[in-house]
Amino acid sequence: MTRFVFRLKNTSEAPLDYECEDITEAQAEAVRYLGRYLTENPGFASEGHWVLDIQNGVGQSLVQIIVATVIPRSSPMRVKGDG
């Protein structure tokens, strides 16, 4: 097992340590973690975008999972003059 650290940027959440077999398993666990976080903090989804950094045990960034909330150009919610 390998130690990975999940660091959710732009939050007050403390980094979390996870033991996973490999980076593929760590990525799957990170997506599950994001799902739980959004369930508990639904307002976070409307803040635009966020990044979950998956790091190795010495703090090197290995993979980033980036999620963004975007209003499409064709959306009736888009304000005239945007973009």
Protein backbone atom coordinates (compact mmCIF):
# COMPACT_ATOMS: atom_id res chain seq x y z
CA MET A 1 0.00 0.00 0.00
CA THR A 2 1.11 3.54 -0.77
CA ARG A 3 0.31 6.68 1.20
CA PHE A 4 -1.47 9.44 -0.73
CA VAL A 5 -2.55 12.84 0.58
CA PHE A 6 -5.75 14.50 -0.62
CA ARG A 7 -5.67 18.28 -0.35
CA LEU A 8 -8.92 20.08 -1.27
CA LYS A 9 -7.87 23.59 -2.21
CA ASN A 10 -9.78 26.76 -1.26
CA THR A 11 -11.36 25.14 1.80
CA SER A 12 -10.55 24.92 5.46
CA GLU A 13 -10.49 21.12 5.16
CA ALA A 14 -7.34 19.53 6.54
CA PRO A 15 -5.42 17.30 4.12
CA LEU A 16 -6.39 13.65 4.40
CA ASP A 17 -4.10 10.62 4.26
CA TYR A 18 -5.25 7.57 2.30
CA GLU A 19 -3.56 4.22 1.85
CA CYS A 20 -4.17 2.94 -1.67
CA GLU A 21 -2.72 0.21 -3.85
CA ASP A 22 -1.78 2.64 -6.65
CA ILE A 23 -2.63 6.01 -8.21
CA THR A 24 -5.65 4.56 -10.02
CA GLU A 25 -7.18 3.48 -6.73
CA ALA A 26 -6.25 6.85 -5.19
CA GLN A 27 -8.07 8.70 -7.99
CA ALA A 28 -11.21 6.60 -7.48
CA GLU A 29 -11.09 7.25 -3.73
CA ALA A 30 -10.59 10.98 -4.38
CA VAL A 31 -13.75 11.10 -6.51
CA ARG A 32 -15.68 9.34 -3.74
CA TYR A 33 -14.25 11.85 -1.23
CA LEU A 34 -15.40 14.78 -3.43
CA GLY A 35 -18.88 13.25 -3.64
CA ARG A 36 -19.10 13.00 0.14
CA TYR A 37 -17.76 16.54 0.56
CA LEU A 38 -20.34 17.98 -1.86
CA THR A 39 -23.12 16.05 -0.16
CA GLU A 40 -22.16 17.64 3.16
CA ASN A 41 -21.38 21.10 1.67
CA PRO A 42 -23.76 21.59 -1.29
CA GLY A 43 -23.14 25.35 -1.47
CA PHE A 44 -19.52 24.63 -2.38
CA ALA A 45 -20.64 23.56 -5.88
CA SER A 46 -21.82 27.08 -6.72
CA GLU A 47 -18.46 28.66 -5.92
CA GLY A 48 -17.20 28.16 -9.48
CA HIS A 49 -14.47 25.54 -9.44
CA TRP A 50 -12.32 23.58 -7.06
CA VAL A 51 -9.24 21.41 -7.17
CA LEU A 52 -8.44 18.24 -5.28
CA ASP A 53 -4.69 17.67 -5.31
CA ILE A 54 -3.51 14.09 -4.91
CA GLN A 55 0.01 14.12 -3.49
CA ASN A 56 2.52 11.46 -2.61
CA GLY A 57 3.83 11.01 0.92
CA VAL A 58 6.46 13.74 0.51
CA GLY A 59 4.06 16.39 -0.79
CA GLN A 60 4.66 16.14 -4.54
CA SER A 61 1.52 16.74 -6.61
CA LEU A 62 0.75 13.65 -8.70
CA VAL A 63 -2.74 14.31 -10.07
CA GLN A 64 -5.30 17.08 -9.76
CA ILE A 65 -9.02 16.52 -10.07
CA ILE A 66 -10.64 19.77 -11.20
CA VAL A 67 -14.39 20.31 -11.07
CA ALA A 68 -16.04 23.45 -12.39
CA THR A 69 -19.53 24.90 -12.47
CA VAL A 70 -20.07 26.63 -15.83
CA ILE A 71 -23.08 28.39 -17.34
CA PRO A 72 -23.23 27.49 -21.06
CA ARG A 73 -23.46 30.34 -23.57
CA SER A 74 -26.89 29.07 -24.63
CA SER A 75 -28.28 29.08 -21.08
CA PRO A 76 -31.16 31.47 -20.31
CA MET A 77 -29.36 32.07 -16.98
CA ARG A 78 -26.45 33.74 -18.74
CA VAL A 79 -26.39 37.51 -18.32
CA LYS A 80 -26.12 39.50 -21.55
CA GLY A 81 -22.60 40.79 -21.98
CA ASP A 82 -20.99 37.76 -20.27
CA GLY A 83 -18.16 36.16 -22.19
